[in-house]
Structures are given as structure tokens and as C-alpha cells.
N, C-alpha and C. Protein backbone atom coordinates (compact mmCIF):
# COMPACT_ATOMS: atom_id res chain seq x y z
N MET A 1 -102.50 -268.22 -43.02
CA MET A 1 -103.18 -266.97 -42.74
C MET A 1 -104.62 -267.04 -43.25
N SER A 2 -105.51 -266.35 -42.58
CA SER A 2 -106.92 -266.33 -42.97
C SER A 2 -107.16 -265.31 -44.08
N GLN A 3 -108.31 -265.41 -44.71
CA GLN A 3 -108.69 -264.40 -45.71
C GLN A 3 -108.78 -263.03 -45.06
N VAL A 4 -109.26 -262.97 -43.82
CA VAL A 4 -109.35 -261.70 -43.10
C VAL A 4 -107.96 -261.08 -42.97
N GLU A 5 -106.99 -261.89 -42.56
CA GLU A 5 -105.62 -261.38 -42.43
C GLU A 5 -105.04 -260.99 -43.79
N ASP A 6 -105.38 -261.74 -44.85
CA ASP A 6 -104.94 -261.39 -46.19
C ASP A 6 -105.51 -260.04 -46.62
N ARG A 7 -106.79 -259.81 -46.32
CA ARG A 7 -107.41 -258.52 -46.68
C ARG A 7 -106.76 -257.38 -45.91
N LEU A 8 -106.46 -257.62 -44.64
CA LEU A 8 -105.77 -256.59 -43.86
C LEU A 8 -104.39 -256.31 -44.45
N ALA A 9 -103.67 -257.36 -44.85
CA ALA A 9 -102.35 -257.19 -45.45
C ALA A 9 -102.44 -256.36 -46.73
N GLU A 10 -103.49 -256.58 -47.52
CA GLU A 10 -103.69 -255.78 -48.74
C GLU A 10 -103.85 -254.30 -48.41
N LEU A 11 -104.34 -254.00 -47.21
CA LEU A 11 -104.50 -252.61 -46.75
C LEU A 11 -103.23 -252.09 -46.08
N GLY A 12 -102.20 -252.93 -46.05
CA GLY A 12 -100.95 -252.54 -45.40
C GLY A 12 -100.98 -252.70 -43.90
N LEU A 13 -101.90 -253.53 -43.39
CA LEU A 13 -102.06 -253.70 -41.95
C LEU A 13 -101.76 -255.13 -41.54
N SER A 14 -101.30 -255.28 -40.32
CA SER A 14 -101.15 -256.61 -39.73
C SER A 14 -101.78 -256.56 -38.34
N ILE A 15 -102.12 -257.73 -37.85
CA ILE A 15 -102.77 -257.80 -36.55
C ILE A 15 -101.73 -257.56 -35.46
N PRO A 16 -101.96 -256.55 -34.63
CA PRO A 16 -100.98 -256.23 -33.59
C PRO A 16 -101.13 -257.16 -32.39
N ALA A 17 -100.21 -257.01 -31.45
CA ALA A 17 -100.35 -257.69 -30.16
C ALA A 17 -101.59 -257.13 -29.47
N VAL A 18 -102.21 -257.94 -28.65
CA VAL A 18 -103.40 -257.48 -27.92
C VAL A 18 -102.98 -256.40 -26.93
N ALA A 19 -103.71 -255.30 -26.95
CA ALA A 19 -103.42 -254.20 -26.03
C ALA A 19 -103.69 -254.64 -24.59
N ALA A 20 -102.78 -254.30 -23.71
CA ALA A 20 -102.93 -254.65 -22.30
C ALA A 20 -104.08 -253.85 -21.69
N PRO A 21 -104.88 -254.47 -20.82
CA PRO A 21 -105.96 -253.74 -20.15
C PRO A 21 -105.40 -252.59 -19.31
N VAL A 22 -106.17 -251.52 -19.20
CA VAL A 22 -105.75 -250.38 -18.37
C VAL A 22 -106.42 -250.41 -17.00
N ALA A 23 -107.21 -251.46 -16.72
CA ALA A 23 -107.89 -251.60 -15.42
C ALA A 23 -108.17 -253.09 -15.19
N ALA A 24 -109.15 -253.39 -14.32
CA ALA A 24 -109.44 -254.77 -13.90
C ALA A 24 -110.46 -255.44 -14.82
N TYR A 25 -110.02 -255.90 -15.98
CA TYR A 25 -110.87 -256.61 -16.93
C TYR A 25 -109.99 -257.40 -17.89
N VAL A 26 -110.61 -258.23 -18.70
CA VAL A 26 -109.88 -258.95 -19.75
C VAL A 26 -110.21 -258.30 -21.09
N PRO A 27 -109.30 -258.37 -22.06
CA PRO A 27 -109.55 -257.71 -23.35
C PRO A 27 -110.67 -258.34 -24.17
N VAL A 28 -110.92 -259.65 -23.95
CA VAL A 28 -111.90 -260.35 -24.76
C VAL A 28 -112.37 -261.57 -23.98
N ILE A 29 -113.61 -261.97 -24.25
CA ILE A 29 -114.14 -263.16 -23.60
C ILE A 29 -115.03 -263.89 -24.61
N ARG A 30 -115.01 -265.21 -24.49
CA ARG A 30 -115.86 -266.05 -25.35
C ARG A 30 -116.84 -266.80 -24.48
N ASP A 31 -118.11 -266.83 -24.93
CA ASP A 31 -119.15 -267.59 -24.27
C ASP A 31 -119.89 -268.35 -25.37
N GLY A 32 -119.57 -269.61 -25.52
CA GLY A 32 -120.17 -270.39 -26.60
C GLY A 32 -119.70 -269.86 -27.94
N ASN A 33 -120.65 -269.48 -28.79
CA ASN A 33 -120.26 -268.95 -30.10
C ASN A 33 -120.17 -267.43 -30.13
N LEU A 34 -120.36 -266.78 -28.98
CA LEU A 34 -120.23 -265.31 -28.92
C LEU A 34 -118.86 -264.91 -28.39
N VAL A 35 -118.30 -263.89 -29.02
CA VAL A 35 -117.04 -263.30 -28.59
C VAL A 35 -117.28 -261.81 -28.43
N MET A 36 -116.94 -261.30 -27.24
CA MET A 36 -117.13 -259.87 -26.96
C MET A 36 -115.80 -259.26 -26.52
N THR A 37 -115.45 -258.15 -27.14
CA THR A 37 -114.24 -257.47 -26.72
C THR A 37 -114.60 -256.40 -25.69
N SER A 38 -113.63 -256.09 -24.86
CA SER A 38 -113.74 -254.89 -24.03
C SER A 38 -113.50 -253.70 -24.95
N GLY A 39 -113.79 -252.52 -24.46
CA GLY A 39 -113.52 -251.32 -25.25
C GLY A 39 -112.04 -251.22 -25.56
N GLN A 40 -111.75 -251.01 -26.83
CA GLN A 40 -110.36 -250.90 -27.29
C GLN A 40 -110.03 -249.44 -27.59
N LEU A 41 -108.93 -248.99 -27.04
CA LEU A 41 -108.46 -247.62 -27.27
C LEU A 41 -107.52 -247.60 -28.47
N PRO A 42 -107.21 -246.42 -29.00
CA PRO A 42 -106.28 -246.35 -30.14
C PRO A 42 -104.83 -246.50 -29.68
N MET A 43 -104.50 -247.69 -29.23
CA MET A 43 -103.15 -248.01 -28.76
C MET A 43 -102.32 -248.53 -29.93
N ILE A 44 -101.10 -248.02 -30.03
CA ILE A 44 -100.14 -248.48 -31.02
C ILE A 44 -98.85 -248.79 -30.27
N ASP A 45 -98.43 -250.05 -30.32
CA ASP A 45 -97.21 -250.49 -29.61
C ASP A 45 -97.25 -250.09 -28.14
N GLY A 46 -98.41 -250.27 -27.51
CA GLY A 46 -98.54 -250.01 -26.08
C GLY A 46 -98.69 -248.56 -25.68
N GLU A 47 -98.76 -247.66 -26.66
CA GLU A 47 -98.89 -246.23 -26.38
C GLU A 47 -100.19 -245.70 -26.97
N LEU A 48 -100.84 -244.81 -26.24
CA LEU A 48 -102.05 -244.16 -26.74
C LEU A 48 -101.67 -243.22 -27.88
N ALA A 49 -102.33 -243.37 -29.03
CA ALA A 49 -101.97 -242.61 -30.23
C ALA A 49 -102.34 -241.13 -30.14
N ALA A 50 -103.34 -240.78 -29.34
CA ALA A 50 -103.77 -239.39 -29.23
C ALA A 50 -104.60 -239.21 -27.97
N THR A 51 -104.71 -237.98 -27.54
CA THR A 51 -105.59 -237.63 -26.43
C THR A 51 -106.39 -236.39 -26.82
N GLY A 52 -107.48 -236.18 -26.10
CA GLY A 52 -108.26 -234.95 -26.30
C GLY A 52 -109.65 -235.22 -26.83
N LYS A 53 -110.39 -234.13 -26.92
CA LYS A 53 -111.78 -234.18 -27.38
C LYS A 53 -111.86 -233.99 -28.89
N VAL A 54 -112.73 -234.77 -29.52
CA VAL A 54 -112.97 -234.63 -30.95
C VAL A 54 -113.80 -233.36 -31.15
N GLY A 55 -113.39 -232.57 -32.11
CA GLY A 55 -114.03 -231.28 -32.34
C GLY A 55 -113.30 -230.14 -31.65
N ALA A 56 -112.31 -230.47 -30.85
CA ALA A 56 -111.47 -229.46 -30.18
C ALA A 56 -110.01 -229.81 -30.50
N GLU A 57 -109.38 -230.64 -29.66
CA GLU A 57 -107.96 -230.98 -29.86
C GLU A 57 -107.74 -232.01 -30.98
N VAL A 58 -108.76 -232.78 -31.31
CA VAL A 58 -108.64 -233.85 -32.31
C VAL A 58 -109.67 -233.60 -33.41
N SER A 59 -109.22 -233.64 -34.66
CA SER A 59 -110.13 -233.44 -35.79
C SER A 59 -110.98 -234.68 -36.02
N GLN A 60 -112.10 -234.50 -36.70
CA GLN A 60 -112.95 -235.65 -37.03
C GLN A 60 -112.19 -236.63 -37.91
N GLU A 61 -111.41 -236.15 -38.85
CA GLU A 61 -110.63 -237.01 -39.73
C GLU A 61 -109.62 -237.84 -38.94
N ASP A 62 -108.90 -237.21 -38.04
CA ASP A 62 -107.94 -237.96 -37.22
C ASP A 62 -108.65 -238.94 -36.30
N ALA A 63 -109.77 -238.52 -35.73
CA ALA A 63 -110.52 -239.41 -34.83
C ALA A 63 -111.01 -240.65 -35.58
N SER A 64 -111.40 -240.48 -36.84
CA SER A 64 -111.83 -241.63 -37.64
C SER A 64 -110.66 -242.60 -37.83
N LYS A 65 -109.46 -242.08 -38.04
CA LYS A 65 -108.27 -242.94 -38.15
C LYS A 65 -108.01 -243.66 -36.82
N HIS A 66 -108.23 -242.97 -35.72
CA HIS A 66 -108.04 -243.60 -34.41
C HIS A 66 -109.10 -244.68 -34.18
N ALA A 67 -110.33 -244.46 -34.66
CA ALA A 67 -111.37 -245.49 -34.55
C ALA A 67 -110.97 -246.73 -35.35
N ARG A 68 -110.33 -246.52 -36.47
CA ARG A 68 -109.81 -247.64 -37.29
C ARG A 68 -108.78 -248.43 -36.48
N THR A 69 -107.89 -247.72 -35.79
CA THR A 69 -106.89 -248.38 -34.94
C THR A 69 -107.58 -249.17 -33.83
N CYS A 70 -108.61 -248.59 -33.23
CA CYS A 70 -109.37 -249.31 -32.20
C CYS A 70 -109.96 -250.60 -32.76
N ALA A 71 -110.51 -250.53 -33.97
CA ALA A 71 -111.09 -251.73 -34.59
C ALA A 71 -110.02 -252.78 -34.85
N LEU A 72 -108.85 -252.37 -35.31
CA LEU A 72 -107.76 -253.31 -35.52
C LEU A 72 -107.37 -253.97 -34.20
N ASN A 73 -107.35 -253.19 -33.12
CA ASN A 73 -107.05 -253.75 -31.80
C ASN A 73 -108.14 -254.73 -31.36
N ALA A 74 -109.39 -254.44 -31.70
CA ALA A 74 -110.48 -255.36 -31.37
C ALA A 74 -110.34 -256.66 -32.15
N ILE A 75 -109.95 -256.56 -33.41
CA ILE A 75 -109.72 -257.76 -34.22
C ILE A 75 -108.59 -258.58 -33.60
N ALA A 76 -107.55 -257.92 -33.13
CA ALA A 76 -106.44 -258.62 -32.47
C ALA A 76 -106.93 -259.37 -31.24
N ALA A 77 -107.80 -258.72 -30.46
CA ALA A 77 -108.34 -259.37 -29.27
C ALA A 77 -109.14 -260.61 -29.65
N VAL A 78 -109.98 -260.51 -30.68
CA VAL A 78 -110.76 -261.66 -31.14
C VAL A 78 -109.82 -262.77 -31.60
N LYS A 79 -108.82 -262.42 -32.38
CA LYS A 79 -107.86 -263.41 -32.90
C LYS A 79 -107.15 -264.15 -31.77
N SER A 80 -106.98 -263.49 -30.63
CA SER A 80 -106.26 -264.12 -29.52
C SER A 80 -107.01 -265.31 -28.92
N ILE A 81 -108.32 -265.43 -29.18
CA ILE A 81 -109.07 -266.58 -28.63
C ILE A 81 -109.83 -267.38 -29.70
N VAL A 82 -109.70 -266.97 -30.96
CA VAL A 82 -110.34 -267.68 -32.07
C VAL A 82 -109.24 -268.10 -33.03
N ASP A 83 -109.17 -269.38 -33.32
CA ASP A 83 -108.09 -269.89 -34.17
C ASP A 83 -108.12 -269.32 -35.59
N ASP A 84 -109.30 -269.17 -36.16
CA ASP A 84 -109.42 -268.79 -37.57
C ASP A 84 -110.41 -267.63 -37.70
N LEU A 85 -109.91 -266.45 -38.08
CA LEU A 85 -110.79 -265.28 -38.21
C LEU A 85 -111.84 -265.46 -39.31
N ASP A 86 -111.62 -266.40 -40.22
CA ASP A 86 -112.62 -266.64 -41.27
C ASP A 86 -113.89 -267.28 -40.71
N THR A 87 -113.87 -267.74 -39.47
CA THR A 87 -115.07 -268.31 -38.83
C THR A 87 -115.86 -267.24 -38.06
N VAL A 88 -115.39 -266.00 -38.11
CA VAL A 88 -115.98 -264.92 -37.31
C VAL A 88 -116.93 -264.08 -38.14
N ARG A 89 -118.08 -263.75 -37.54
CA ARG A 89 -119.01 -262.77 -38.11
C ARG A 89 -119.16 -261.66 -37.09
N VAL A 90 -118.93 -260.42 -37.52
CA VAL A 90 -119.09 -259.27 -36.62
C VAL A 90 -120.56 -258.91 -36.57
N ILE A 91 -121.12 -258.89 -35.36
CA ILE A 91 -122.54 -258.65 -35.16
C ILE A 91 -122.82 -257.19 -34.81
N LYS A 92 -122.00 -256.65 -33.89
CA LYS A 92 -122.28 -255.31 -33.37
C LYS A 92 -120.98 -254.57 -33.11
N VAL A 93 -120.98 -253.30 -33.44
CA VAL A 93 -119.88 -252.39 -33.12
C VAL A 93 -120.46 -251.27 -32.27
N VAL A 94 -119.80 -250.99 -31.16
CA VAL A 94 -120.18 -249.86 -30.32
C VAL A 94 -118.97 -248.93 -30.24
N GLY A 95 -119.18 -247.68 -30.62
CA GLY A 95 -118.10 -246.70 -30.61
C GLY A 95 -118.44 -245.54 -29.70
N PHE A 96 -117.46 -245.13 -28.92
CA PHE A 96 -117.60 -243.99 -28.02
C PHE A 96 -116.65 -242.90 -28.49
N VAL A 97 -117.13 -241.68 -28.58
CA VAL A 97 -116.33 -240.56 -29.04
C VAL A 97 -116.30 -239.50 -27.95
N ALA A 98 -115.12 -239.20 -27.41
CA ALA A 98 -114.97 -238.12 -26.44
C ALA A 98 -115.13 -236.82 -27.22
N SER A 99 -116.24 -236.14 -27.00
CA SER A 99 -116.65 -235.05 -27.88
C SER A 99 -116.67 -233.69 -27.20
N ASP A 100 -116.18 -232.70 -27.93
CA ASP A 100 -116.42 -231.32 -27.55
C ASP A 100 -117.95 -231.15 -27.54
N PRO A 101 -118.49 -230.34 -26.62
CA PRO A 101 -119.96 -230.20 -26.53
C PRO A 101 -120.65 -229.82 -27.83
N SER A 102 -119.96 -229.13 -28.73
CA SER A 102 -120.59 -228.72 -29.98
C SER A 102 -120.42 -229.73 -31.11
N PHE A 103 -119.67 -230.82 -30.87
CA PHE A 103 -119.39 -231.79 -31.92
C PHE A 103 -120.54 -232.78 -32.06
N THR A 104 -121.00 -232.98 -33.30
CA THR A 104 -122.13 -233.90 -33.55
C THR A 104 -121.82 -234.93 -34.63
N GLY A 105 -120.56 -235.11 -34.97
CA GLY A 105 -120.19 -236.02 -36.05
C GLY A 105 -119.75 -237.39 -35.60
N GLN A 106 -120.28 -237.88 -34.47
CA GLN A 106 -119.87 -239.19 -33.95
C GLN A 106 -120.02 -240.31 -34.98
N PRO A 107 -121.11 -240.38 -35.75
CA PRO A 107 -121.22 -241.47 -36.73
C PRO A 107 -120.08 -241.47 -37.74
N GLY A 108 -119.65 -240.29 -38.19
CA GLY A 108 -118.54 -240.20 -39.13
C GLY A 108 -117.23 -240.69 -38.53
N VAL A 109 -117.03 -240.42 -37.26
CA VAL A 109 -115.83 -240.90 -36.58
C VAL A 109 -115.82 -242.42 -36.53
N ILE A 110 -116.92 -243.01 -36.11
CA ILE A 110 -116.97 -244.46 -35.94
C ILE A 110 -117.00 -245.18 -37.28
N ASN A 111 -117.28 -244.45 -38.37
CA ASN A 111 -117.16 -245.06 -39.70
C ASN A 111 -115.75 -245.61 -39.92
N GLY A 112 -114.75 -245.00 -39.31
CA GLY A 112 -113.38 -245.52 -39.44
C GLY A 112 -113.29 -246.96 -38.99
N ALA A 113 -113.96 -247.29 -37.89
CA ALA A 113 -113.99 -248.67 -37.40
C ALA A 113 -114.85 -249.55 -38.29
N SER A 114 -116.05 -249.09 -38.61
CA SER A 114 -116.98 -249.88 -39.41
C SER A 114 -116.42 -250.21 -40.78
N GLU A 115 -115.78 -249.23 -41.40
CA GLU A 115 -115.24 -249.46 -42.74
C GLU A 115 -114.10 -250.47 -42.72
N LEU A 116 -113.23 -250.41 -41.71
CA LEU A 116 -112.15 -251.39 -41.63
C LEU A 116 -112.72 -252.80 -41.42
N ILE A 117 -113.71 -252.92 -40.56
CA ILE A 117 -114.31 -254.23 -40.30
C ILE A 117 -114.95 -254.78 -41.57
N ALA A 118 -115.64 -253.93 -42.32
CA ALA A 118 -116.25 -254.37 -43.57
C ALA A 118 -115.18 -254.79 -44.58
N GLN A 119 -114.09 -254.04 -44.66
CA GLN A 119 -113.01 -254.39 -45.58
C GLN A 119 -112.36 -255.72 -45.18
N ALA A 120 -112.16 -255.92 -43.89
CA ALA A 120 -111.47 -257.11 -43.42
C ALA A 120 -112.34 -258.37 -43.51
N PHE A 121 -113.61 -258.25 -43.12
CA PHE A 121 -114.46 -259.43 -43.01
C PHE A 121 -115.41 -259.62 -44.19
N GLY A 122 -115.45 -258.69 -45.13
CA GLY A 122 -116.36 -258.81 -46.26
C GLY A 122 -117.80 -258.83 -45.79
N ASP A 123 -118.61 -259.73 -46.36
CA ASP A 123 -120.03 -259.83 -45.98
C ASP A 123 -120.21 -260.14 -44.50
N LYS A 124 -119.26 -260.86 -43.91
CA LYS A 124 -119.35 -261.19 -42.49
C LYS A 124 -118.98 -260.00 -41.60
N GLY A 125 -118.68 -258.87 -42.21
CA GLY A 125 -118.37 -257.66 -41.45
C GLY A 125 -119.52 -256.67 -41.40
N GLN A 126 -120.65 -256.99 -42.04
CA GLN A 126 -121.83 -256.11 -41.97
C GLN A 126 -122.42 -256.24 -40.58
N HIS A 127 -122.61 -255.11 -39.89
CA HIS A 127 -122.95 -255.16 -38.47
C HIS A 127 -123.93 -254.06 -38.08
N ALA A 128 -124.57 -254.28 -36.94
CA ALA A 128 -125.34 -253.23 -36.29
C ALA A 128 -124.34 -252.34 -35.55
N ARG A 129 -124.76 -251.09 -35.22
CA ARG A 129 -123.77 -250.19 -34.64
C ARG A 129 -124.42 -249.10 -33.80
N SER A 130 -123.67 -248.66 -32.81
CA SER A 130 -124.01 -247.46 -32.05
C SER A 130 -122.77 -246.57 -32.05
N ALA A 131 -122.99 -245.26 -32.19
CA ALA A 131 -121.91 -244.27 -32.11
C ALA A 131 -122.35 -243.23 -31.09
N VAL A 132 -121.66 -243.18 -29.96
CA VAL A 132 -122.11 -242.42 -28.82
C VAL A 132 -121.09 -241.34 -28.45
N GLY A 133 -121.55 -240.12 -28.28
CA GLY A 133 -120.69 -239.04 -27.80
C GLY A 133 -120.66 -239.06 -26.28
N VAL A 134 -119.46 -238.94 -25.71
CA VAL A 134 -119.29 -238.95 -24.26
C VAL A 134 -118.37 -237.79 -23.85
N ALA A 135 -118.41 -237.46 -22.56
CA ALA A 135 -117.62 -236.34 -22.05
C ALA A 135 -116.13 -236.67 -21.98
N VAL A 136 -115.81 -237.89 -21.57
CA VAL A 136 -114.40 -238.28 -21.43
C VAL A 136 -114.29 -239.80 -21.51
N LEU A 137 -113.13 -240.26 -21.99
CA LEU A 137 -112.83 -241.69 -22.07
C LEU A 137 -111.56 -241.99 -21.27
N PRO A 138 -111.30 -243.26 -20.97
CA PRO A 138 -110.10 -243.61 -20.21
C PRO A 138 -108.83 -243.02 -20.84
N LEU A 139 -107.94 -242.55 -19.99
CA LEU A 139 -106.65 -241.98 -20.39
C LEU A 139 -106.80 -240.75 -21.29
N ASP A 140 -107.99 -240.16 -21.33
CA ASP A 140 -108.31 -239.01 -22.20
C ASP A 140 -108.24 -239.38 -23.68
N ALA A 141 -108.50 -240.66 -24.00
CA ALA A 141 -108.52 -241.10 -25.39
C ALA A 141 -109.66 -240.42 -26.14
N PRO A 142 -109.48 -240.16 -27.43
CA PRO A 142 -110.56 -239.52 -28.19
C PRO A 142 -111.66 -240.48 -28.63
N VAL A 143 -111.35 -241.79 -28.67
CA VAL A 143 -112.32 -242.76 -29.17
C VAL A 143 -112.05 -244.13 -28.55
N GLU A 144 -113.11 -244.93 -28.45
CA GLU A 144 -113.02 -246.29 -27.94
C GLU A 144 -114.04 -247.13 -28.71
N VAL A 145 -113.65 -248.36 -29.05
CA VAL A 145 -114.52 -249.23 -29.85
C VAL A 145 -114.54 -250.62 -29.24
N GLU A 146 -115.73 -251.22 -29.18
CA GLU A 146 -115.87 -252.62 -28.78
C GLU A 146 -116.67 -253.34 -29.84
N ILE A 147 -116.43 -254.64 -29.99
CA ILE A 147 -117.20 -255.42 -30.97
C ILE A 147 -117.72 -256.70 -30.34
N THR A 148 -118.83 -257.17 -30.88
CA THR A 148 -119.40 -258.46 -30.52
C THR A 148 -119.47 -259.28 -31.80
N CYS A 149 -119.02 -260.53 -31.69
CA CYS A 149 -118.95 -261.41 -32.86
C CYS A 149 -119.59 -262.75 -32.56
N SER A 150 -119.93 -263.48 -33.61
CA SER A 150 -120.29 -264.88 -33.46
C SER A 150 -119.26 -265.69 -34.23
N VAL A 151 -119.03 -266.91 -33.75
CA VAL A 151 -118.05 -267.80 -34.35
C VAL A 151 -118.77 -269.07 -34.80
N SER A 152 -118.52 -269.46 -36.04
CA SER A 152 -119.16 -270.68 -36.56
C SER A 152 -118.24 -271.87 -36.40
């Protein structure tokens, strides 16, 4: 097991199976030393963990937990094409938050993903980031996260 997987285990987490795509794309692709995931939804055992808009049906606290799940799913996608997660550096995180029109806490929601990545990858988890509010996401998910990594 890698140090990344050991750190996740210390948090009580394990790398799940890669979530199946919900449309015509692949979950992850590698081009040279770059690895890019598709947007990952908060899927747990093949089921969407929640639906609705953040700030209405979904609280910011719950949405942050769902962003954490999305990040774990993104790590699973990366692991599916990289032999050793210890060779991975996370470069960029992009988070989308399906937001009630009055909700402005998107950065706090995506912190759930960023914090998990930092905990799992240590210094190699420090990344650039965007947190974007949107009207709706696939399957009415409250949050979606994608990551871009480099592999040494």
C-alpha cells in the first residue's frame, strides 16, 4: 500500500471502486505525466449520495462531506491508471456546486475535497483550485469535483 492509501486508512477511508460514467466519457485519462479525471459525483457503492441544491435541500456542511466523497472517487479514478499514488502530485481541483440562487458559500463546500486531498497527499496535495456555483449538475447532484495531477 502507498503512503497515500495509509493516510486515507488513518482517516477510516479506503479507495472505492471507480464510479461508472453516467454518459459517453471515461472516468480518467493519462497523457504523458498528466492525469485528468472527469467530474466525479458523490457516488457511494454506485448510488448518488444526495440530490438537490446547496443552500436549499442540501446544507453547506453536508455538501462539503459530499465534495469529500467526490475527491475520494477522483483518487480512485487516478489509482485505476497509476500504479503508485505516492508518485502523484495534485495540481488542480475544480469543484462545481449546484447552488440555490442565494447561496454564496461554494469555496467552503469545495474545502471538503481540498482538505481530503491535502490529508491524503501531504505536500503533494497542495493545489490550485476553482469553486464554481452552477444551476444544476448531472443527476441533480449537489456537487461535482475533478482533479488534474502530474505523475513522476
